[in-house]
Each structure stands twice: as C-alpha cells, then as structure tokens.
C-alpha cells in the first residue's frame, strides 16, 4: 500500500500527459496554503478582534471563550466536508473535487470580511459569523485529503513521504502569511483602525490567493492511481459506507494517532497567541511576531520530516516526535511563566517538534486505504482528529489555565500524547 508505481511524465493509461513533479507539488502546496491562510486569518482575528466586534456585551474572558467557540465550529463542519467532497473525489476525481473545495472555503472567507458587526445588526452578526465559519470548515474538510492524494498518488517509489510533505507545508506557509498580514497592518494603522475596518483586509484579499490556486488546480491532470481505478472499474457507489464497513479499525487508529498533532499545534498557535495578549501582556505586534517566528520553524521542520520519513519510516518519526511532545508538556508552564524569552523558547521547541510530526501525518493517514476510498477515508480520519484534538483545544486550554493554572494545560497536551502513542503502537505497519 505504501509504494506507488510511478509512470514517467508524458505517458498515461489513455495517452494523456501526466502531471510533471513541479505541477504536482505546486498544485498540492498552493491549495493547502490558500486554505490554511484562510483558516489562520480567522484564528488570528478570533483572538485580536472578534471578541470586541462580535461579542461586545461580555467580559473580556467570556468574549474570548465565545470567539473560540465559533472557531471550533469549523472543526465540526470538516467531517461533513470530508464525506461530501470525499464521495465525489472517489467517484468523479481528485482534480474537480479540489477545485470545488477551494471555492467553498474561499467564498466563505471573503464573506467574513464583508460581514456587519454586532453594533450594526446585533445578534445576527455572530450567527452569520458562525455560518461562514461552518463554510470554511466544510471546504477545508474536502481540501486536505485531495491535496495529499494529489501529491502521494503521483509520487515515485521511495518518495511518498517527501511528496506527501508538500500539502502539509501549506500549513506553515498559510500561518506565516496570515500572521504576517496582521503584523503589517498593525505597522500602518492604529489598533482602533484595525478594529474599525482594517481586520477586513486579510479576509477580502484572500481572493487573490484563491485565484492563483484555481489557476494552478485547473492546469493539472487526474492522478495516475485514480485513472487506473477508473480503467479497472474499481470505484464504489458510496465510498463512506465502504470506509466504515471495511476500514473501521483504520479510521479509529488513525483518528487518535493524530490527536497530539492537533492539540500541540493549537496550543502553540491560537492558545499561545491569546495567552500572550490577554495574560502575558505582550503587544499585538510582538505576539504576532512570535507566531511568525514559529511558522518559519514549523515550515523548516516539516520539510525535514519529509526527508527523514523516507529514510527512517513514518512510524519511527511519529513515535519519536509523540514521545518528546509528551515529555515537553512538563516544560509548558515554566517556560510560559518566564516572560518573553521563555515564550520564544517554548515556541522554538514546540514548533520544531510539531513539524516533525505533522510533516508525515498526511501520508500516514492516507496509507491504510485503497485507492477507491482513499479520498474519503483519509479525509474522514484527518477531520475527526481535528474535532477531538483541535476544535476545542484553545477553549479547553484557556479554561484550564483560568480555573486550574498553567500546569494543567501541559497535562492536557500530555494526555493527548499518551493517547496518540498508544494508537501508534497498536497500529500495524500497513496502517502507517
């Protein structure tokens, strides 16, 4: 299952030219970059501006928790996107479905930038925000699995992890761009101007990235593995039924194997951003600089993981990174309580460790499923892991910190690492 037969560029089962490696890697990277940029723009705004603009009648901590609650909606929408887009991805094709997922995510993001605030239309404002957030999650639920398959199903022998790393690289690139846009805005406008109208710019400007993503996606051909499934008439009528009928164990193991992936990331990003601004007293710009710095380390570590995964194996890399992330959770409270230097040390270690895990998790989640249901199966497991690991991570971490102290945020990360470690050890070689 892990190996993919690679047909030289320029040939295909029906005489159609295959995608070049550059086309494949660019198309898988640009799509996830756009999607994660849109996703992280929301996450950043959920900390910096949404509590004031959409939940103004609450005290600051309650408003932040309410904002994080809307943030979580997208994760509950993602499995629905995985099922719907996965169905068409396994029935119609990877390319067409990826274009539709990108449009769904992009339109939802642009509309957020046009929404009236609570002061303009009252309670309808947060309701519309929640609806758009659902649209973001629905689109991303169909994007990720297709992007990973676009890369891995075109990969030469021995390079499946390297190719599978490129759609994963879209996450740090998207995080860098989202944080960078807000950081630049705060250099050219006051915090008051940002709250009044500046916050809309990143959401509306994402239309440029969406256009680039669509242009790249429309230029590629279908993957050779899916073309073979068409030629052999291997497609199934309802892929989601096939997944839960014959691959329940893989779905369960893979979902919780990726738990630490999501918990660690959202503690190091969305939660840390809110902690820096609301608790540590770090300025908006300095807090965003921490996030920009972390995204660079995240990207470098993700690239390294692609190479190391092919050399030592995904299972080994996941085991090592999960164990160290669990041990690192004991350092969370001491480091975050040590001022700005401690925050940078926490970000450095946390994002480097996380990237080593995240860089290979995409290929690992796709591995257990046959071509005919791989889009649906990998998308469902990734997005179920998002529900259990990410949807409430900033909320839970903030609540634990407020009610029990910082040490319990570390214990939360430790618990996620233990669950993931058990699933990795319980998995069979073919399942990773």
Protein backbone atom coordinates (compact mmCIF):
# COMPACT_ATOMS: atom_id res chain seq x y z
CA UNK A 1 0.00 0.00 0.00
CA UNK A 2 2.84 2.39 0.81
CA UNK A 3 4.51 2.13 -2.57
CA UNK A 4 3.13 3.88 -5.61
CA UNK A 5 4.07 2.88 -9.14
CA UNK A 6 5.37 5.93 -10.94
CA UNK A 7 4.76 6.33 -14.66
CA UNK A 8 7.23 8.68 -16.39
CA UNK A 9 5.90 12.12 -17.22
CA UNK A 10 4.32 12.34 -20.60
CA UNK A 11 2.57 8.97 -20.51
CA UNK A 12 -0.74 7.84 -19.09
CA UNK A 13 -3.13 4.97 -19.32
CA UNK A 14 -5.16 6.63 -22.08
CA UNK A 15 -2.43 8.62 -23.79
CA UNK A 16 -2.99 11.74 -21.69
CA UNK A 17 0.09 13.52 -20.35
CA UNK A 18 0.70 13.10 -16.66
CA UNK A 19 1.50 15.99 -14.41
CA UNK A 20 5.16 16.95 -14.03
CA UNK A 21 6.61 16.76 -10.50
CA UNK A 22 6.67 20.57 -10.36
CA UNK A 23 2.97 20.76 -11.31
CA UNK A 24 2.01 18.15 -8.73
CA UNK A 25 3.94 19.68 -5.86
CA UNK A 26 2.90 23.26 -6.67
CA UNK A 27 -0.78 22.32 -7.01
CA UNK A 28 -0.78 20.40 -3.72
CA UNK A 29 1.11 23.19 -1.93
CA UNK A 30 -0.78 26.22 -3.27
CA UNK A 31 -4.20 24.79 -2.47
CA UNK A 32 -3.45 23.97 1.15
CA UNK A 33 -1.60 27.30 1.53
CA UNK A 34 -4.75 29.16 0.48
CA UNK A 35 -6.97 27.01 2.67
CA UNK A 36 -4.79 27.31 5.76
CA UNK A 37 -4.22 31.03 5.19
CA UNK A 38 -7.99 31.49 5.29
CA UNK A 39 -8.23 29.25 8.36
CA UNK A 40 -5.49 31.04 10.30
CA UNK A 41 -6.69 34.50 9.38
CA UNK A 42 -9.85 33.56 11.24
CA UNK A 43 -7.88 32.09 14.17
CA UNK A 44 -5.85 35.29 14.50
CA UNK A 45 -8.93 37.50 14.26
CA UNK A 46 -10.68 35.29 16.83
CA UNK A 47 -8.09 36.45 19.35
CA UNK A 48 -7.41 40.02 18.27
CA UNK A 49 -10.71 41.49 17.04
CA UNK A 50 -13.73 39.16 17.09
CA UNK A 51 -14.28 39.25 20.88
CA UNK A 52 -14.74 43.03 20.65
CA UNK A 53 -16.65 43.19 17.35
CA UNK A 54 -18.98 40.20 17.64
CA UNK A 55 -19.29 39.55 21.40
CA UNK A 56 -19.06 43.04 22.96
CA UNK A 57 -21.54 42.58 25.82
CA UNK A 58 -19.43 40.01 27.67
CA UNK A 59 -16.47 40.44 29.97
CA UNK A 60 -13.12 40.01 28.13
CA UNK A 61 -12.52 36.35 29.09
CA UNK A 62 -16.11 35.30 28.29
CA UNK A 63 -15.91 37.12 24.96
CA UNK A 64 -12.67 35.32 24.14
CA UNK A 65 -14.21 31.95 25.01
CA UNK A 66 -17.25 32.78 22.84
CA UNK A 67 -14.92 33.69 19.98
CA UNK A 68 -13.06 30.40 20.41
CA UNK A 69 -16.43 28.62 20.36
CA UNK A 70 -17.12 29.98 16.85
CA UNK A 71 -13.57 28.99 15.96
CA UNK A 72 -14.41 25.39 16.90
CA UNK A 73 -17.46 25.25 14.60
CA UNK A 74 -15.24 24.72 11.56
CA UNK A 75 -13.81 21.52 13.01
CA UNK A 76 -17.28 20.03 13.45
CA UNK A 77 -18.07 21.01 9.85
CA UNK A 78 -14.94 19.39 8.45
CA UNK A 79 -16.10 15.73 8.65
CA UNK A 80 -19.22 16.66 6.67
CA UNK A 81 -16.98 18.24 4.05
CA UNK A 82 -14.80 15.13 4.12
CA UNK A 83 -17.80 12.88 3.44
CA UNK A 84 -19.34 15.02 0.68
CA UNK A 85 -16.15 16.02 -1.11
CA UNK A 86 -14.62 12.60 -0.41
CA UNK A 87 -17.59 10.98 -2.16
CA UNK A 88 -17.06 12.99 -5.31
CA UNK A 89 -13.27 12.74 -5.03
CA UNK A 90 -13.52 8.95 -5.06
CA UNK A 91 -16.31 8.89 -7.65
CA UNK A 92 -15.61 11.80 -10.04
CA UNK A 93 -11.93 12.55 -9.48
CA UNK A 94 -9.39 14.39 -7.36
CA UNK A 95 -9.00 17.43 -9.61
CA UNK A 96 -12.64 18.53 -9.93
CA UNK A 97 -13.32 17.99 -6.25
CA UNK A 98 -10.28 20.01 -5.20
CA UNK A 99 -11.46 22.97 -7.27
CA UNK A 100 -14.91 22.82 -5.64
CA UNK A 101 -13.42 22.58 -2.12
CA UNK A 102 -11.16 25.58 -2.75
CA UNK A 103 -14.11 27.68 -3.95
CA UNK A 104 -16.23 26.71 -0.93
CA UNK A 105 -13.51 27.70 1.51
CA UNK A 106 -12.60 30.87 -0.39
CA UNK A 107 -16.12 32.25 -0.73
CA UNK A 108 -16.79 31.70 2.99
CA UNK A 109 -13.62 33.59 3.89
CA UNK A 110 -14.33 36.57 1.65
CA UNK A 111 -17.88 36.85 3.02
CA UNK A 112 -16.49 37.05 6.59
CA UNK A 113 -14.61 40.17 5.50
CA UNK A 114 -17.89 41.75 4.40
CA UNK A 115 -19.97 40.90 7.49
CA UNK A 116 -21.60 43.64 9.59
CA UNK A 117 -20.61 43.61 13.27
CA UNK A 118 -22.69 43.23 16.44
CA UNK A 119 -23.01 47.03 16.76
CA UNK A 120 -24.59 47.15 13.30
CA UNK A 121 -27.07 44.26 13.27
CA UNK A 122 -26.99 42.81 16.78
CA UNK A 123 -27.11 39.09 17.49
CA UNK A 124 -27.40 38.26 13.78
CA UNK A 125 -23.73 39.20 13.38
CA UNK A 126 -22.23 36.31 15.43
CA UNK A 127 -24.77 33.95 13.86
CA UNK A 128 -23.61 34.91 10.36
CA UNK A 129 -20.01 34.61 11.52
CA UNK A 130 -20.72 31.08 12.75
CA UNK A 131 -22.35 30.20 9.41
CA UNK A 132 -19.32 31.41 7.46
CA UNK A 133 -17.03 29.55 9.83
CA UNK A 134 -19.02 26.40 9.09
CA UNK A 135 -18.43 27.04 5.37
CA UNK A 136 -14.70 27.39 5.97
CA UNK A 137 -14.58 24.08 7.79
CA UNK A 138 -16.76 22.35 5.21
CA UNK A 139 -14.40 23.42 2.41
CA UNK A 140 -11.23 22.51 4.29
CA UNK A 141 -12.72 19.11 5.11
CA UNK A 142 -12.67 18.30 1.41
CA UNK A 143 -9.42 20.09 0.56
CA UNK A 144 -6.85 18.38 2.72
CA UNK A 145 -7.44 14.76 1.69
CA UNK A 146 -7.47 15.58 -2.01
CA UNK A 147 -4.27 17.64 -1.79
CA UNK A 148 -2.44 14.81 -0.01
CA UNK A 149 -3.63 12.30 -2.61
CA UNK A 150 -2.70 14.60 -5.48
CA UNK A 151 0.85 14.51 -4.14
CA UNK A 152 1.19 10.91 -2.92
CA UNK A 153 -0.61 9.28 -5.86
CA UNK A 154 1.87 10.95 -8.20
CA UNK A 155 4.93 10.08 -6.07
CA UNK A 156 7.83 7.98 -7.40
CA UNK A 157 8.89 4.90 -5.44
CA UNK A 158 10.67 5.80 -2.23
CA UNK A 159 9.48 9.42 -2.21
CA UNK A 160 5.94 9.11 -0.92
CA UNK A 161 6.71 10.94 2.33
CA UNK A 162 8.62 13.68 0.51
CA UNK A 163 5.73 14.29 -1.90
CA UNK A 164 3.21 13.97 0.93
CA UNK A 165 5.08 16.69 2.81
CA UNK A 166 4.20 19.41 0.26
CA UNK A 167 0.48 19.73 1.05
CA UNK A 168 1.48 19.70 4.74
CA UNK A 169 3.86 22.58 4.04
CA UNK A 170 0.82 24.69 3.14
CA UNK A 171 0.01 24.91 6.88
CA UNK A 172 3.18 26.78 7.97
CA UNK A 173 3.14 28.91 4.82
CA UNK A 174 -0.50 29.82 5.43
CA UNK A 175 0.23 30.56 9.09
CA UNK A 176 3.18 32.77 8.12
CA UNK A 177 1.11 34.73 5.61
CA UNK A 178 -1.89 35.14 7.93
CA UNK A 179 0.22 36.31 10.87
CA UNK A 180 2.35 38.47 8.59
CA UNK A 181 -0.65 40.28 7.12
CA UNK A 182 -1.96 41.27 10.56
CA UNK A 183 1.55 42.24 11.68
CA UNK A 184 1.94 44.53 8.65
CA UNK A 185 -1.49 46.06 9.21
CA UNK A 186 -0.54 46.97 12.78
CA UNK A 187 2.54 48.77 11.45
CA UNK A 188 0.48 51.00 9.19
CA UNK A 189 -2.64 51.60 11.26
CA UNK A 190 -3.67 52.05 14.85
CA UNK A 191 -5.32 49.30 16.88
CA UNK A 192 -8.53 51.35 16.67
CA UNK A 193 -8.36 51.44 12.86
CA UNK A 194 -7.74 47.69 12.83
CA UNK A 195 -10.92 47.14 14.86
CA UNK A 196 -12.94 49.56 12.76
CA UNK A 197 -12.10 48.31 9.27
CA UNK A 198 -8.54 47.01 8.89
CA UNK A 199 -9.40 43.49 10.06
CA UNK A 200 -11.45 43.01 6.89
CA UNK A 201 -8.44 43.34 4.56
CA UNK A 202 -6.94 39.84 5.04
CA UNK A 203 -10.30 38.16 4.50
CA UNK A 204 -11.15 40.08 1.34
CA UNK A 205 -7.58 39.97 -0.01
CA UNK A 206 -7.64 36.17 0.11
CA UNK A 207 -9.50 36.33 -3.21
CA UNK A 208 -6.09 36.89 -4.85
CA UNK A 209 -4.69 33.66 -3.41
CA UNK A 210 -7.89 31.83 -4.36
CA UNK A 211 -7.49 32.96 -7.98
CA UNK A 212 -3.90 31.69 -8.07
CA UNK A 213 -4.95 28.40 -6.50
CA UNK A 214 -7.73 27.86 -9.02
CA UNK A 215 -5.43 28.62 -11.95
CA UNK A 216 -2.89 26.05 -10.74
CA UNK A 217 -5.52 23.43 -9.91
CA UNK A 218 -7.26 23.73 -13.28
CA UNK A 219 -3.97 23.12 -15.12
CA UNK A 220 -3.34 19.64 -13.70
CA UNK A 221 -4.49 16.20 -14.88
CA UNK A 222 -6.08 13.42 -12.85
CA UNK A 223 -3.72 11.27 -10.74
CA UNK A 224 -2.49 8.01 -12.37
CA UNK A 225 -3.75 5.85 -9.49
CA UNK A 226 -7.28 7.22 -9.77
CA UNK A 227 -7.15 6.81 -13.55
CA UNK A 228 -6.26 3.15 -13.03
CA UNK A 229 -9.23 2.77 -10.67
CA UNK A 230 -11.49 4.16 -13.43
CA UNK A 231 -10.00 1.86 -16.05
CA UNK A 232 -10.44 -1.19 -13.81
CA UNK A 233 -13.95 -0.09 -12.76
CA UNK A 234 -12.94 -0.21 -9.09
CA UNK A 235 -14.95 2.79 -7.93
CA UNK A 236 -17.65 2.15 -5.32
CA UNK A 237 -21.12 3.69 -5.24
CA UNK A 238 -20.98 5.19 -1.74
CA UNK A 239 -17.36 5.44 -0.51
CA UNK A 240 -18.27 6.45 3.05
CA UNK A 241 -20.24 3.22 3.53
CA UNK A 242 -17.28 1.24 2.22
CA UNK A 243 -14.92 3.01 4.63
CA UNK A 244 -16.99 2.28 7.73
CA UNK A 245 -17.89 -1.23 6.58
CA UNK A 246 -14.37 -2.49 5.83
CA UNK A 247 -11.93 0.00 7.36
CA UNK A 248 -13.35 0.85 10.81
CA UNK A 249 -10.15 -0.11 12.59
CA UNK A 250 -8.03 2.11 10.37
CA UNK A 251 -10.38 5.04 10.93
CA UNK A 252 -10.25 4.59 14.72
CA UNK A 253 -6.48 4.09 14.97
CA UNK A 254 -5.65 6.91 12.56
CA UNK A 255 -8.03 9.41 14.17
CA UNK A 256 -6.49 9.13 17.62
CA UNK A 257 -2.97 8.63 16.29
CA UNK A 258 -3.24 12.24 15.05
CA UNK A 259 -4.70 13.60 18.31
CA UNK A 260 -1.40 15.07 19.53
CA UNK A 261 -0.85 16.60 16.09
CA UNK A 262 -3.84 18.88 16.54
CA UNK A 263 -3.62 19.53 20.28
CA UNK A 264 0.05 20.52 20.14
CA UNK A 265 -0.44 22.81 17.15
CA UNK A 266 -3.36 24.79 18.52
CA UNK A 267 -1.72 25.16 21.93
CA UNK A 268 1.38 26.55 20.15
CA UNK A 269 -0.65 28.92 17.94
CA UNK A 270 -4.21 30.04 18.76
CA UNK A 271 -3.94 29.45 22.52
CA UNK A 272 -0.43 30.89 22.76
CA UNK A 273 -1.49 34.00 20.82
CA UNK A 274 -4.38 34.61 23.24
CA UNK A 275 -2.16 33.88 26.27
CA UNK A 276 0.48 36.35 25.09
CA UNK A 277 -2.05 39.13 24.52
CA UNK A 278 -4.52 38.55 27.38
CA UNK A 279 -2.31 37.14 30.15
CA UNK A 280 1.36 37.86 29.49
CA UNK A 281 0.64 41.43 28.41
CA UNK A 282 2.56 41.15 25.13
CA UNK A 283 1.60 43.72 22.50
CA UNK A 284 -0.39 42.62 19.43
CA UNK A 285 2.62 43.14 17.17
CA UNK A 286 5.06 41.26 19.42
CA UNK A 287 2.57 38.40 19.86
CA UNK A 288 2.21 38.14 16.07
CA UNK A 289 6.00 38.19 15.70
CA UNK A 290 6.18 35.14 17.97
CA UNK A 291 3.69 33.40 15.68
CA UNK A 292 5.59 34.41 12.52
CA UNK A 293 8.81 33.09 14.06
CA UNK A 294 7.05 29.84 14.97
CA UNK A 295 5.68 29.40 11.45
CA UNK A 296 9.19 29.59 9.99
CA UNK A 297 10.44 26.87 12.34
CA UNK A 298 7.30 24.85 11.63
CA UNK A 299 8.00 25.04 7.88
CA UNK A 300 11.65 24.03 8.19
CA UNK A 301 10.79 21.12 10.45
CA UNK A 302 8.02 19.96 8.11
CA UNK A 303 10.46 19.89 5.17
CA UNK A 304 12.98 17.92 7.24
CA UNK A 305 10.26 15.45 8.20
CA UNK A 306 9.56 14.68 4.55
CA UNK A 307 13.17 13.58 4.05
CA UNK A 308 13.51 11.78 7.38
CA UNK A 309 10.22 9.93 6.85
CA UNK A 310 11.52 8.37 3.63
CA UNK A 311 14.82 7.48 5.29
CA UNK A 312 13.71 6.12 8.67
CA UNK A 313 9.99 5.48 8.15
CA UNK A 314 6.86 7.38 9.17
CA UNK A 315 6.18 5.14 12.13
CA UNK A 316 9.57 5.82 13.70
CA UNK A 317 9.26 9.56 13.20
CA UNK A 318 5.74 9.63 14.65
CA UNK A 319 6.80 7.57 17.67
CA UNK A 320 9.80 9.76 18.47
CA UNK A 321 8.00 13.09 17.97
CA UNK A 322 4.98 11.97 20.02
CA UNK A 323 7.10 10.81 22.96
CA UNK A 324 9.11 14.04 23.02
CA UNK A 325 5.97 16.18 22.70
CA UNK A 326 4.58 14.36 25.73
CA UNK A 327 7.73 14.99 27.75
CA UNK A 328 7.84 18.60 26.60
CA UNK A 329 4.40 19.22 28.09
CA UNK A 330 6.03 19.39 31.55
CA UNK A 331 8.01 22.42 30.39
CA UNK A 332 4.93 24.34 29.21
CA UNK A 333 4.06 26.12 32.45
CA UNK A 334 7.66 27.02 33.49
CA UNK A 335 8.52 28.40 30.05
CA UNK A 336 5.35 30.42 29.53
CA UNK A 337 5.76 31.86 33.00
CA UNK A 338 9.32 33.04 32.26
CA UNK A 339 8.49 36.13 30.21
CA UNK A 340 9.08 36.79 26.52
CA UNK A 341 12.32 34.77 26.40
CA UNK A 342 10.53 31.73 27.82
CA UNK A 343 7.73 32.19 25.29
CA UNK A 344 10.26 32.15 22.43
CA UNK A 345 11.96 29.04 23.83
CA UNK A 346 8.58 27.31 24.13
CA UNK A 347 7.70 28.30 20.55
CA UNK A 348 11.08 27.12 19.23
CA UNK A 349 10.95 23.66 20.74
CA UNK A 350 7.20 23.20 20.34
CA UNK A 351 7.03 24.12 16.65
CA UNK A 352 10.14 22.13 15.70
CA UNK A 353 8.73 19.04 17.39
CA UNK A 354 5.29 19.59 15.93
CA UNK A 355 6.63 19.97 12.38
CA UNK A 356 8.42 16.62 12.63
CA UNK A 357 5.07 15.03 13.46
CA UNK A 358 2.93 16.99 11.02
CA UNK A 359 5.26 16.51 8.06
CA UNK A 360 4.48 12.79 7.79
CA UNK A 361 0.98 12.56 9.24
CA UNK A 362 -0.64 13.23 5.85
CA UNK A 363 0.97 10.24 4.13
CA UNK A 364 0.38 8.14 7.27
CA UNK A 365 -3.37 8.80 7.26
CA UNK A 366 -3.68 8.01 3.54
CA UNK A 367 -1.69 4.76 3.72
CA UNK A 368 -4.31 2.32 5.11
CA UNK A 369 -6.98 2.99 2.48
CA UNK A 370 -7.21 1.57 -1.06
CA UNK A 371 -7.44 3.99 -4.00
CA UNK A 372 -11.20 3.57 -4.43
CA UNK A 373 -11.95 5.05 -0.96
CA UNK A 374 -8.68 6.81 -0.12
CA UNK A 375 -10.01 10.36 -0.54
CA UNK A 376 -12.95 9.65 1.77
CA UNK A 377 -11.03 7.55 4.29
CA UNK A 378 -8.05 9.86 4.75
CA UNK A 379 -10.25 12.96 4.86
CA UNK A 380 -12.57 11.49 7.48
CA UNK A 381 -9.73 10.41 9.78
CA UNK A 382 -7.91 13.75 9.48
CA UNK A 383 -11.03 15.74 10.21
CA UNK A 384 -12.28 13.51 13.02
CA UNK A 385 -8.86 14.01 14.61
CA UNK A 386 -9.48 17.74 14.16
CA UNK A 387 -12.72 17.50 16.15
CA UNK A 388 -11.18 15.60 19.05
CA UNK A 389 -7.81 17.34 19.00
CA UNK A 390 -8.26 20.86 17.67
CA UNK A 391 -11.86 22.06 17.77
CA UNK A 392 -11.87 22.84 21.48
CA UNK A 393 -8.11 22.93 22.16
CA UNK A 394 -7.83 26.74 22.54
CA UNK A 395 -11.08 26.79 24.55
CA UNK A 396 -10.04 23.92 26.84
CA UNK A 397 -6.52 25.30 27.33
CA UNK A 398 -7.88 28.76 28.18
CA UNK A 399 -10.45 27.29 30.58
CA UNK A 400 -7.85 25.07 32.29
CA UNK A 401 -5.44 27.98 32.65
CA UNK A 402 -8.16 30.22 34.11
CA UNK A 403 -9.54 27.67 36.57
CA UNK A 404 -6.60 25.41 37.47
CA UNK A 405 -3.38 27.06 36.31
CA UNK A 406 -0.87 26.68 33.50
CA UNK A 407 0.38 23.25 34.60
CA UNK A 408 -2.97 21.73 33.63
CA UNK A 409 -2.58 22.99 30.06
CA UNK A 410 0.60 20.91 29.95
CA UNK A 411 -1.22 17.90 31.40
CA UNK A 412 -3.82 18.29 28.64
CA UNK A 413 -1.08 18.07 26.00
CA UNK A 414 0.46 15.10 27.82
CA UNK A 415 -2.85 13.22 27.80
CA UNK A 416 -3.16 13.74 24.04
CA UNK A 417 0.38 12.46 23.51
CA UNK A 418 -0.31 9.31 25.53
CA UNK A 419 -3.45 8.52 23.52
CA UNK A 420 -1.60 9.03 20.22
CA UNK A 421 1.34 6.92 21.38
CA UNK A 422 -0.95 4.02 22.28
CA UNK A 423 -2.55 4.17 18.81
CA UNK A 424 0.80 4.28 17.02
CA UNK A 425 1.99 1.24 18.98
CA UNK A 426 -1.31 -0.56 18.32
CA UNK A 427 -1.20 0.08 14.57
CA UNK A 428 0.05 -2.43 12.04
CA UNK A 429 2.85 -1.49 9.66
CA UNK A 430 0.43 -1.25 6.71
CA UNK A 431 -1.70 1.23 8.67
CA UNK A 432 1.09 3.83 8.76
